[in-house]
């Protein structure tokens, strides 16, 4: 019985490792014909209605940017403890000033991009450079954060975060994460 249990743990760990590696891989889009794959597919997948919906949602989030951002970061660091390494110099306790300040910066950057999604590459260029060359953030973490943002939005918005809003926001945040990871290629 013991050997069978150990084999099961081995295969479970192997499956989780492969799944996590595949989830975090930054791959060029299969639809891309240009050198900037995210500019060709990321925000062009959104309809005009979805773009308006995304802009409205982020306009509502600006007044509570510190709260939403801090909760997203805390959720990410709790769910994915490896992401804490990038924040070792900050106080990452719930409602800490550091967490609220950084969370607000994230939410405001996302909200700024939502105003004109087609210029996302230009808007995020300084953040790309910062995260790639200075902070050296693993691009996998952008996807993890975006997932935590979706969960936080769903928790805060309740019934307003219907399947249409969820799908639109998921597409938008996927494009956002892909644009931030663009310079890693």
N, C-alpha and C. Protein backbone atom coordinates (compact mmCIF):
# COMPACT_ATOMS: atom_id res chain seq x y z
N UNK A 1 0.82 -1.19 0.00
CA UNK A 1 0.00 0.00 0.00
C UNK A 1 0.87 1.26 0.00
N UNK A 2 1.96 1.25 0.75
CA UNK A 2 2.84 2.41 0.84
C UNK A 2 3.45 2.75 -0.52
N UNK A 3 3.93 1.77 -1.25
CA UNK A 3 4.54 2.02 -2.57
C UNK A 3 3.51 2.61 -3.53
N UNK A 4 2.27 2.13 -3.48
CA UNK A 4 1.22 2.65 -4.34
C UNK A 4 0.94 4.12 -4.03
N UNK A 5 0.93 4.49 -2.76
CA UNK A 5 0.71 5.87 -2.33
C UNK A 5 1.84 6.77 -2.82
N UNK A 6 3.07 6.29 -2.72
CA UNK A 6 4.22 7.07 -3.17
C UNK A 6 4.17 7.28 -4.68
N UNK A 7 3.82 6.21 -5.44
CA UNK A 7 3.69 6.35 -6.89
C UNK A 7 2.63 7.38 -7.25
N UNK A 8 1.52 7.37 -6.54
CA UNK A 8 0.46 8.33 -6.79
C UNK A 8 0.92 9.76 -6.54
N UNK A 9 1.68 9.96 -5.48
CA UNK A 9 2.21 11.29 -5.19
C UNK A 9 3.19 11.73 -6.26
N UNK A 10 4.02 10.80 -6.74
CA UNK A 10 4.99 11.13 -7.78
C UNK A 10 4.28 11.61 -9.04
N UNK A 11 3.25 10.86 -9.47
CA UNK A 11 2.55 11.24 -10.70
C UNK A 11 1.74 12.51 -10.52
N UNK A 12 1.19 12.70 -9.34
CA UNK A 12 0.44 13.94 -9.07
C UNK A 12 1.38 15.14 -9.13
N UNK A 13 2.57 15.02 -8.52
CA UNK A 13 3.54 16.11 -8.54
C UNK A 13 4.01 16.37 -9.97
N UNK A 14 4.24 15.31 -10.73
CA UNK A 14 4.69 15.46 -12.12
C UNK A 14 3.61 16.16 -12.95
N UNK A 15 2.34 15.79 -12.76
CA UNK A 15 1.25 16.41 -13.50
C UNK A 15 1.14 17.90 -13.14
N UNK A 16 1.21 18.22 -11.84
CA UNK A 16 1.12 19.61 -11.41
C UNK A 16 2.27 20.44 -11.97
N UNK A 17 3.48 19.87 -11.96
CA UNK A 17 4.64 20.58 -12.49
C UNK A 17 4.46 20.86 -13.98
N UNK A 18 4.03 19.87 -14.73
CA UNK A 18 3.82 20.04 -16.17
C UNK A 18 2.70 21.05 -16.44
N UNK A 19 1.62 20.97 -15.69
CA UNK A 19 0.51 21.89 -15.88
C UNK A 19 0.94 23.32 -15.58
N UNK A 20 1.67 23.51 -14.47
CA UNK A 20 2.12 24.85 -14.10
C UNK A 20 3.10 25.40 -15.13
N UNK A 21 4.01 24.56 -15.62
CA UNK A 21 4.97 24.99 -16.63
C UNK A 21 4.26 25.40 -17.91
N UNK A 22 3.27 24.62 -18.33
CA UNK A 22 2.53 24.96 -19.56
C UNK A 22 1.72 26.23 -19.37
N UNK A 23 1.15 26.43 -18.20
CA UNK A 23 0.36 27.62 -17.93
C UNK A 23 1.22 28.86 -17.96
N UNK A 24 2.44 28.75 -17.48
CA UNK A 24 3.31 29.92 -17.34
C UNK A 24 4.15 30.20 -18.58
N UNK A 25 4.13 29.31 -19.54
CA UNK A 25 4.97 29.52 -20.72
C UNK A 25 4.45 30.71 -21.52
N UNK A 26 5.37 31.53 -21.99
CA UNK A 26 5.01 32.66 -22.86
C UNK A 26 5.21 32.18 -24.28
N UNK A 27 4.12 32.03 -25.00
CA UNK A 27 4.19 31.52 -26.36
C UNK A 27 3.70 32.55 -27.34
N UNK A 28 4.28 32.60 -28.53
CA UNK A 28 3.72 33.49 -29.54
C UNK A 28 2.35 32.98 -29.97
N UNK A 29 1.51 33.88 -30.36
CA UNK A 29 0.16 33.52 -30.78
C UNK A 29 0.19 32.78 -32.11
N UNK A 30 -0.70 31.84 -32.28
CA UNK A 30 -0.77 31.10 -33.54
C UNK A 30 -1.38 31.94 -34.65
N UNK A 31 -2.06 33.03 -34.27
CA UNK A 31 -2.69 33.90 -35.25
C UNK A 31 -1.77 35.02 -35.72
N UNK A 32 -0.62 35.13 -35.13
CA UNK A 32 0.23 36.29 -35.36
C UNK A 32 0.93 36.24 -36.70
N UNK A 33 0.96 37.40 -37.34
CA UNK A 33 1.72 37.53 -38.57
C UNK A 33 2.77 38.61 -38.43
N UNK A 34 2.77 39.30 -37.28
CA UNK A 34 3.73 40.37 -37.07
C UNK A 34 4.70 40.00 -35.95
N UNK A 35 5.67 40.86 -35.71
CA UNK A 35 6.62 40.59 -34.63
C UNK A 35 5.99 40.85 -33.28
N UNK A 36 4.93 41.62 -33.21
CA UNK A 36 4.23 41.86 -31.96
C UNK A 36 2.95 41.05 -31.95
N UNK A 37 3.05 39.82 -31.46
CA UNK A 37 1.91 38.93 -31.54
C UNK A 37 0.73 39.44 -30.73
N UNK A 38 0.98 40.06 -29.58
CA UNK A 38 -0.14 40.51 -28.76
C UNK A 38 -0.85 41.67 -29.41
N UNK A 39 -0.15 42.50 -30.15
CA UNK A 39 -0.83 43.61 -30.80
C UNK A 39 -1.74 43.12 -31.92
N UNK A 40 -1.44 41.96 -32.45
CA UNK A 40 -2.26 41.42 -33.53
C UNK A 40 -3.47 40.66 -33.01
N UNK A 41 -3.40 40.13 -31.80
CA UNK A 41 -4.50 39.30 -31.33
C UNK A 41 -5.13 39.74 -30.03
N UNK A 42 -4.39 40.35 -29.16
CA UNK A 42 -4.86 40.62 -27.80
C UNK A 42 -6.11 41.45 -27.72
N UNK A 43 -6.07 42.66 -28.18
CA UNK A 43 -7.23 43.53 -28.02
C UNK A 43 -8.12 43.53 -29.25
N UNK A 44 -7.70 42.95 -30.35
CA UNK A 44 -8.57 42.85 -31.51
C UNK A 44 -9.63 41.78 -31.32
N UNK A 45 -9.45 40.93 -30.32
CA UNK A 45 -10.45 39.91 -30.03
C UNK A 45 -11.66 40.50 -29.31
N UNK A 46 -11.52 41.72 -28.82
CA UNK A 46 -12.60 42.36 -28.08
C UNK A 46 -13.53 43.12 -29.01
N UNK A 47 -14.82 42.95 -28.79
CA UNK A 47 -15.80 43.71 -29.55
C UNK A 47 -15.88 45.12 -28.98
N UNK A 48 -16.52 46.02 -29.68
CA UNK A 48 -16.70 47.38 -29.18
C UNK A 48 -17.50 47.38 -27.88
N UNK A 49 -18.51 46.52 -27.81
CA UNK A 49 -19.31 46.42 -26.58
C UNK A 49 -18.44 45.96 -25.42
N UNK A 50 -17.58 44.98 -25.65
CA UNK A 50 -16.69 44.48 -24.59
C UNK A 50 -15.71 45.57 -24.14
N UNK A 51 -15.19 46.34 -25.10
CA UNK A 51 -14.27 47.43 -24.75
C UNK A 51 -14.96 48.47 -23.87
N UNK A 52 -16.19 48.80 -24.21
CA UNK A 52 -16.96 49.76 -23.39
C UNK A 52 -17.22 49.19 -22.00
N UNK A 53 -17.56 47.92 -21.94
CA UNK A 53 -17.83 47.26 -20.67
C UNK A 53 -16.59 47.25 -19.78
N UNK A 54 -15.46 46.95 -20.37
CA UNK A 54 -14.18 46.93 -19.62
C UNK A 54 -13.86 48.32 -19.09
N UNK A 55 -14.01 49.33 -19.93
CA UNK A 55 -13.73 50.71 -19.50
C UNK A 55 -14.65 51.12 -18.35
N UNK A 56 -15.93 50.73 -18.42
CA UNK A 56 -16.89 51.06 -17.35
C UNK A 56 -16.50 50.38 -16.04
N UNK A 57 -16.12 49.11 -16.14
CA UNK A 57 -15.74 48.37 -14.93
C UNK A 57 -14.53 49.03 -14.27
N UNK A 58 -13.51 49.36 -15.05
CA UNK A 58 -12.31 49.95 -14.46
C UNK A 58 -12.55 51.37 -13.98
N UNK A 59 -13.48 52.10 -14.59
CA UNK A 59 -13.84 53.41 -14.06
C UNK A 59 -14.43 53.27 -12.66
N UNK A 60 -15.23 52.23 -12.45
CA UNK A 60 -15.81 51.98 -11.13
C UNK A 60 -14.76 51.55 -10.11
N UNK A 61 -13.68 50.95 -10.57
CA UNK A 61 -12.65 50.45 -9.66
C UNK A 61 -11.65 51.53 -9.23
N UNK A 62 -11.56 52.62 -9.96
CA UNK A 62 -10.57 53.66 -9.63
C UNK A 62 -10.75 54.21 -8.20
N UNK A 63 -11.98 54.51 -7.74
CA UNK A 63 -12.11 55.02 -6.37
C UNK A 63 -11.67 54.03 -5.28
N UNK A 64 -11.72 52.75 -5.57
CA UNK A 64 -11.32 51.72 -4.60
C UNK A 64 -10.06 50.99 -5.05
N UNK A 65 -9.22 51.69 -5.81
CA UNK A 65 -8.03 51.07 -6.40
C UNK A 65 -7.10 50.48 -5.35
N UNK A 66 -6.91 51.17 -4.25
CA UNK A 66 -6.02 50.65 -3.19
C UNK A 66 -6.55 49.35 -2.62
N UNK A 67 -7.84 49.30 -2.36
CA UNK A 67 -8.43 48.09 -1.77
C UNK A 67 -8.39 46.92 -2.75
N UNK A 68 -8.81 47.17 -3.98
CA UNK A 68 -8.84 46.10 -4.99
C UNK A 68 -7.42 45.61 -5.27
N UNK A 69 -6.51 46.53 -5.48
CA UNK A 69 -5.13 46.16 -5.78
C UNK A 69 -4.46 45.39 -4.66
N UNK A 70 -4.66 45.86 -3.42
CA UNK A 70 -4.06 45.17 -2.27
C UNK A 70 -4.63 43.77 -2.13
N UNK A 71 -5.94 43.64 -2.35
CA UNK A 71 -6.55 42.31 -2.24
C UNK A 71 -6.04 41.38 -3.34
N UNK A 72 -5.86 41.89 -4.54
CA UNK A 72 -5.34 41.07 -5.64
C UNK A 72 -3.92 40.59 -5.32
N UNK A 73 -3.09 41.51 -4.87
CA UNK A 73 -1.71 41.13 -4.53
C UNK A 73 -1.67 40.13 -3.38
N UNK A 74 -2.45 40.37 -2.34
CA UNK A 74 -2.48 39.46 -1.21
C UNK A 74 -2.99 38.09 -1.64
N UNK A 75 -4.01 38.07 -2.47
CA UNK A 75 -4.55 36.81 -2.99
C UNK A 75 -3.48 36.06 -3.79
N UNK A 76 -2.74 36.80 -4.62
CA UNK A 76 -1.69 36.17 -5.43
C UNK A 76 -0.59 35.58 -4.54
N UNK A 77 -0.15 36.36 -3.54
CA UNK A 77 0.94 35.89 -2.68
C UNK A 77 0.50 34.74 -1.77
N UNK A 78 -0.77 34.70 -1.44
CA UNK A 78 -1.29 33.60 -0.62
C UNK A 78 -1.46 32.34 -1.45
N UNK A 79 -2.02 32.49 -2.63
CA UNK A 79 -2.30 31.35 -3.49
C UNK A 79 -1.04 30.83 -4.17
N UNK A 80 -0.16 31.73 -4.54
CA UNK A 80 1.09 31.38 -5.23
C UNK A 80 2.26 31.94 -4.41
N UNK A 81 2.67 31.25 -3.35
CA UNK A 81 3.67 31.79 -2.43
C UNK A 81 5.01 32.16 -3.08
N UNK A 82 5.34 31.57 -4.18
CA UNK A 82 6.58 31.90 -4.86
C UNK A 82 6.65 33.35 -5.33
N UNK A 83 5.49 33.97 -5.48
CA UNK A 83 5.47 35.37 -5.93
C UNK A 83 5.91 36.34 -4.83
N UNK A 84 5.96 35.88 -3.60
CA UNK A 84 6.39 36.75 -2.49
C UNK A 84 7.84 37.20 -2.66
N UNK A 85 8.64 36.45 -3.38
CA UNK A 85 10.06 36.77 -3.50
C UNK A 85 10.28 38.15 -4.10
N UNK A 86 9.37 38.59 -4.95
CA UNK A 86 9.51 39.89 -5.58
C UNK A 86 9.12 41.04 -4.65
N UNK A 87 8.52 40.71 -3.52
CA UNK A 87 8.03 41.73 -2.60
C UNK A 87 8.68 41.61 -1.23
N UNK A 88 9.86 41.01 -1.17
CA UNK A 88 10.54 40.78 0.11
C UNK A 88 10.84 42.08 0.84
N UNK A 89 11.01 43.15 0.12
CA UNK A 89 11.35 44.44 0.72
C UNK A 89 10.11 45.21 1.20
N UNK A 90 8.93 44.67 0.96
CA UNK A 90 7.68 45.35 1.34
C UNK A 90 7.00 44.65 2.51
N UNK A 91 6.22 45.40 3.23
CA UNK A 91 5.36 44.85 4.26
C UNK A 91 4.12 44.31 3.54
N UNK A 92 3.98 43.00 3.52
CA UNK A 92 2.89 42.40 2.73
C UNK A 92 1.76 41.86 3.61
N UNK A 93 1.60 42.42 4.78
CA UNK A 93 0.47 42.04 5.61
C UNK A 93 -0.80 42.65 5.04
N UNK A 94 -1.96 42.05 5.31
CA UNK A 94 -3.21 42.63 4.82
C UNK A 94 -3.37 44.09 5.26
N UNK A 95 -3.78 44.93 4.33
CA UNK A 95 -4.06 46.35 4.53
C UNK A 95 -2.81 47.17 4.87
N UNK A 96 -1.63 46.63 4.62
CA UNK A 96 -0.40 47.39 4.88
C UNK A 96 -0.29 48.54 3.87
N UNK A 97 0.34 49.64 4.25
CA UNK A 97 0.49 50.77 3.32
C UNK A 97 1.27 50.39 2.05
N UNK A 98 2.27 49.53 2.19
CA UNK A 98 3.04 49.10 1.01
C UNK A 98 2.17 48.34 0.02
N UNK A 99 1.41 47.41 0.55
CA UNK A 99 0.55 46.58 -0.31
C UNK A 99 -0.53 47.44 -0.97
N UNK A 100 -1.12 48.35 -0.23
CA UNK A 100 -2.15 49.23 -0.78
C UNK A 100 -1.57 50.17 -1.84
N UNK A 101 -0.39 50.67 -1.60
CA UNK A 101 0.24 51.58 -2.56
C UNK A 101 0.57 50.88 -3.87
N UNK A 102 1.19 49.71 -3.76
CA UNK A 102 1.55 48.99 -4.99
C UNK A 102 0.29 48.48 -5.71
N UNK A 103 -0.68 48.02 -4.94
CA UNK A 103 -1.94 47.56 -5.53
C UNK A 103 -2.64 48.67 -6.28
N UNK A 104 -2.60 49.88 -5.73
CA UNK A 104 -3.22 51.02 -6.39
C UNK A 104 -2.53 51.31 -7.71
N UNK A 105 -1.20 51.24 -7.75
CA UNK A 105 -0.46 51.46 -8.99
C UNK A 105 -0.89 50.46 -10.07
N UNK A 106 -1.07 49.22 -9.67
CA UNK A 106 -1.46 48.17 -10.62
C UNK A 106 -2.85 48.46 -11.18
N UNK A 107 -3.79 48.73 -10.30
CA UNK A 107 -5.18 48.98 -10.73
C UNK A 107 -5.24 50.22 -11.62
N UNK A 108 -4.51 51.26 -11.26
CA UNK A 108 -4.53 52.47 -12.09
C UNK A 108 -3.90 52.24 -13.46
N UNK A 109 -2.87 51.40 -13.54
CA UNK A 109 -2.27 51.08 -14.84
C UNK A 109 -3.24 50.30 -15.71
N UNK A 110 -3.94 49.36 -15.10
CA UNK A 110 -4.93 48.57 -15.84
C UNK A 110 -6.08 49.47 -16.29
N UNK A 111 -6.52 50.35 -15.41
CA UNK A 111 -7.61 51.27 -15.74
C UNK A 111 -7.20 52.23 -16.85
N UNK A 112 -5.96 52.70 -16.82
CA UNK A 112 -5.46 53.60 -17.86
C UNK A 112 -5.46 52.91 -19.22
N UNK A 113 -5.04 51.68 -19.27
CA UNK A 113 -5.04 50.93 -20.53
C UNK A 113 -6.45 50.67 -21.04
N UNK A 114 -7.40 50.54 -20.13
CA UNK A 114 -8.77 50.24 -20.55
C UNK A 114 -9.42 51.41 -21.27
N UNK A 115 -8.89 52.61 -21.09
CA UNK A 115 -9.46 53.79 -21.76
C UNK A 115 -9.26 53.74 -23.26
N UNK A 116 -8.10 53.23 -23.68
CA UNK A 116 -7.81 53.08 -25.11
C UNK A 116 -7.02 51.78 -25.30
N UNK A 117 -7.74 50.70 -25.40
CA UNK A 117 -7.12 49.37 -25.44
C UNK A 117 -6.21 49.22 -26.65
N UNK A 118 -6.53 49.89 -27.75
CA UNK A 118 -5.71 49.73 -28.96
C UNK A 118 -4.30 50.31 -28.80
N UNK A 119 -4.09 51.17 -27.81
CA UNK A 119 -2.75 51.73 -27.59
C UNK A 119 -2.06 51.09 -26.39
N UNK A 120 -2.46 49.89 -26.04
CA UNK A 120 -1.92 49.19 -24.88
C UNK A 120 -0.40 49.03 -24.95
N UNK A 121 0.14 48.73 -26.12
CA UNK A 121 1.59 48.54 -26.25
C UNK A 121 2.34 49.82 -25.88
N UNK A 122 1.83 50.95 -26.31
CA UNK A 122 2.48 52.24 -26.02
C UNK A 122 2.32 52.59 -24.55
N UNK A 123 1.12 52.40 -24.03
CA UNK A 123 0.83 52.75 -22.63
C UNK A 123 1.68 51.93 -21.67
N UNK A 124 1.88 50.65 -21.98
CA UNK A 124 2.60 49.77 -21.07
C UNK A 124 4.10 49.68 -21.32
N UNK A 125 4.60 50.38 -22.33
CA UNK A 125 6.03 50.29 -22.66
C UNK A 125 6.94 50.58 -21.46
N UNK A 126 6.69 51.64 -20.68
CA UNK A 126 7.57 51.88 -19.52
C UNK A 126 7.49 50.76 -18.48
N UNK A 127 6.29 50.20 -18.29
CA UNK A 127 6.15 49.11 -17.33
C UNK A 127 6.82 47.83 -17.83
N UNK A 128 6.78 47.60 -19.14
CA UNK A 128 7.48 46.46 -19.71
C UNK A 128 8.96 46.54 -19.37
N UNK A 129 9.56 47.67 -19.67
CA UNK A 129 10.99 47.86 -19.44
C UNK A 129 11.33 47.70 -17.96
N UNK A 130 10.54 48.31 -17.09
CA UNK A 130 10.77 48.21 -15.65
C UNK A 130 10.74 46.77 -15.18
N UNK A 131 9.69 46.03 -15.57
CA UNK A 131 9.52 44.67 -15.08
C UNK A 131 10.52 43.69 -15.68
N UNK A 132 10.96 43.94 -16.90
CA UNK A 132 11.90 43.02 -17.55
C UNK A 132 13.33 43.28 -17.10
N UNK A 133 13.78 44.51 -17.22
CA UNK A 133 15.19 44.81 -17.04
C UNK A 133 15.59 45.18 -15.62
N UNK A 134 14.71 45.86 -14.89
CA UNK A 134 15.09 46.28 -13.55
C UNK A 134 14.60 45.28 -12.49
N UNK A 135 13.33 44.97 -12.52
CA UNK A 135 12.75 44.08 -11.51
C UNK A 135 12.95 42.60 -11.83
N UNK A 136 13.12 42.28 -13.09
CA UNK A 136 13.34 40.91 -13.56
C UNK A 136 12.26 39.95 -13.08
N UNK A 137 11.05 40.36 -13.31
CA UNK A 137 9.89 39.56 -12.92
C UNK A 137 9.68 38.43 -13.92
N UNK A 138 9.45 37.23 -13.42
CA UNK A 138 9.15 36.10 -14.29
C UNK A 138 7.79 36.37 -14.95
N UNK A 139 7.71 36.29 -16.28
CA UNK A 139 6.46 36.64 -16.96
C UNK A 139 5.27 35.77 -16.56
N UNK A 140 5.54 34.62 -16.03
CA UNK A 140 4.46 33.75 -15.53
C UNK A 140 3.62 34.47 -14.49
N UNK A 141 4.25 35.34 -13.72
CA UNK A 141 3.56 36.03 -12.63
C UNK A 141 2.51 37.00 -13.13
N UNK A 142 2.64 37.51 -14.33
CA UNK A 142 1.62 38.41 -14.87
C UNK A 142 0.31 37.66 -15.05
N UNK A 143 0.40 36.43 -15.53
CA UNK A 143 -0.81 35.62 -15.70
C UNK A 143 -1.43 35.27 -14.35
N UNK A 144 -0.58 34.97 -13.39
CA UNK A 144 -1.09 34.64 -12.06
C UNK A 144 -1.81 35.83 -11.44
N UNK A 145 -1.22 37.01 -11.57
CA UNK A 145 -1.85 38.21 -11.04
C UNK A 145 -3.18 38.48 -11.74
N UNK A 146 -3.21 38.32 -13.05
CA UNK A 146 -4.46 38.57 -13.79
C UNK A 146 -5.55 37.61 -13.35
N UNK A 147 -5.19 36.38 -13.06
CA UNK A 147 -6.18 35.43 -12.55
C UNK A 147 -6.73 35.91 -11.20
N UNK A 148 -5.85 36.37 -10.34
CA UNK A 148 -6.27 36.87 -9.03
C UNK A 148 -7.11 38.14 -9.16
N UNK A 149 -6.83 38.94 -10.16
CA UNK A 149 -7.65 40.13 -10.41
C UNK A 149 -9.07 39.72 -10.80
N UNK A 150 -9.19 38.72 -11.66
CA UNK A 150 -10.52 38.23 -12.05
C UNK A 150 -11.31 37.76 -10.84
N UNK A 151 -10.66 37.00 -9.97
CA UNK A 151 -11.35 36.49 -8.78
C UNK A 151 -11.77 37.64 -7.88
N UNK A 152 -10.90 38.60 -7.70
CA UNK A 152 -11.20 39.75 -6.84
C UNK A 152 -12.35 40.58 -7.42
N UNK A 153 -12.32 40.81 -8.72
CA UNK A 153 -13.42 41.55 -9.35
C UNK A 153 -14.74 40.81 -9.18
N UNK A 154 -14.72 39.50 -9.36
CA UNK A 154 -15.94 38.71 -9.20
C UNK A 154 -16.47 38.82 -7.77
N UNK A 155 -15.56 38.81 -6.80
CA UNK A 155 -15.97 38.91 -5.40
C UNK A 155 -16.55 40.29 -5.08
N UNK A 156 -15.98 41.32 -5.64
CA UNK A 156 -16.44 42.68 -5.34
C UNK A 156 -17.66 43.10 -6.14
N UNK A 157 -17.77 42.64 -7.36
CA UNK A 157 -18.86 43.10 -8.22
C UNK A 157 -20.12 42.27 -8.11
N UNK A 158 -20.02 41.07 -7.62
CA UNK A 158 -21.20 40.23 -7.46
C UNK A 158 -21.91 39.96 -8.77
N UNK A 159 -23.23 40.23 -8.80
CA UNK A 159 -24.05 39.94 -9.98
C UNK A 159 -23.68 40.79 -11.20
N UNK A 160 -23.04 41.93 -10.98
CA UNK A 160 -22.61 42.76 -12.11
C UNK A 160 -21.55 42.06 -12.95
N UNK A 161 -20.81 41.17 -12.32
CA UNK A 161 -19.74 40.45 -13.02
C UNK A 161 -20.34 39.18 -13.62
N UNK A 162 -21.21 39.38 -14.60
CA UNK A 162 -21.89 38.28 -15.26
C UNK A 162 -20.95 37.58 -16.25
N UNK A 163 -21.39 36.51 -16.89
CA UNK A 163 -20.52 35.79 -17.82
C UNK A 163 -19.96 36.65 -18.96
N UNK A 164 -20.74 37.62 -19.42
CA UNK A 164 -20.26 38.50 -20.50
C UNK A 164 -19.12 39.38 -19.99
N UNK A 165 -19.31 39.96 -18.81
CA UNK A 165 -18.26 40.79 -18.21
C UNK A 165 -17.03 39.96 -17.89
N UNK A 166 -17.24 38.75 -17.39
CA UNK A 166 -16.13 37.86 -17.05
C UNK A 166 -15.32 37.51 -18.29
N UNK A 167 -16.00 37.14 -19.36
CA UNK A 167 -15.30 36.77 -20.60
C UNK A 167 -14.53 37.96 -21.17
N UNK A 168 -15.16 39.12 -21.18
CA UNK A 168 -14.49 40.32 -21.70
C UNK A 168 -13.27 40.67 -20.86
N UNK A 169 -13.43 40.62 -19.55
CA UNK A 169 -12.31 40.96 -18.66
C UNK A 169 -11.20 39.94 -18.77
N UNK A 170 -11.55 38.69 -18.93
CA UNK A 170 -10.54 37.64 -19.09
C UNK A 170 -9.71 37.89 -20.36
N UNK A 171 -10.39 38.22 -21.45
CA UNK A 171 -9.66 38.52 -22.70
C UNK A 171 -8.76 39.74 -22.53
N UNK A 172 -9.30 40.77 -21.89
CA UNK A 172 -8.55 42.00 -21.69
C UNK A 172 -7.31 41.76 -20.81
N UNK A 173 -7.50 41.07 -19.69
CA UNK A 173 -6.38 40.82 -18.79
C UNK A 173 -5.35 39.88 -19.42
N UNK A 174 -5.79 38.96 -20.25
CA UNK A 174 -4.85 38.09 -20.97
C UNK A 174 -3.99 38.92 -21.91
N UNK A 175 -4.61 39.86 -22.60
CA UNK A 175 -3.85 40.75 -23.49
C UNK A 175 -2.91 41.63 -22.68
N UNK A 176 -3.38 42.11 -21.54
CA UNK A 176 -2.57 42.95 -20.66
C UNK A 176 -1.31 42.19 -20.21
N UNK A 177 -1.50 40.95 -19.75
CA UNK A 177 -0.37 40.13 -19.30
C UNK A 177 0.58 39.82 -20.46
N UNK A 178 0.02 39.55 -21.63
CA UNK A 178 0.85 39.24 -22.79
C UNK A 178 1.68 40.45 -23.23
N UNK A 179 1.09 41.63 -23.15
CA UNK A 179 1.83 42.85 -23.52
C UNK A 179 2.96 43.09 -22.53
N UNK A 180 2.70 42.89 -21.24
CA UNK A 180 3.76 43.06 -20.26
C UNK A 180 4.90 42.06 -20.48
N UNK A 181 4.57 40.88 -20.96
CA UNK A 181 5.58 39.85 -21.19
C UNK A 181 6.23 39.93 -22.56
N UNK A 182 5.80 40.86 -23.38
CA UNK A 182 6.27 40.95 -24.78
C UNK A 182 7.79 41.06 -24.89
N UNK A 183 8.44 41.81 -24.04
CA UNK A 183 9.89 42.02 -24.16
C UNK A 183 10.71 40.81 -23.75
N UNK A 184 10.08 39.79 -23.21
CA UNK A 184 10.79 38.58 -22.81
C UNK A 184 11.11 37.70 -23.99
N UNK A 185 10.53 37.96 -25.14
CA UNK A 185 10.70 37.10 -26.31
C UNK A 185 11.99 37.38 -27.00
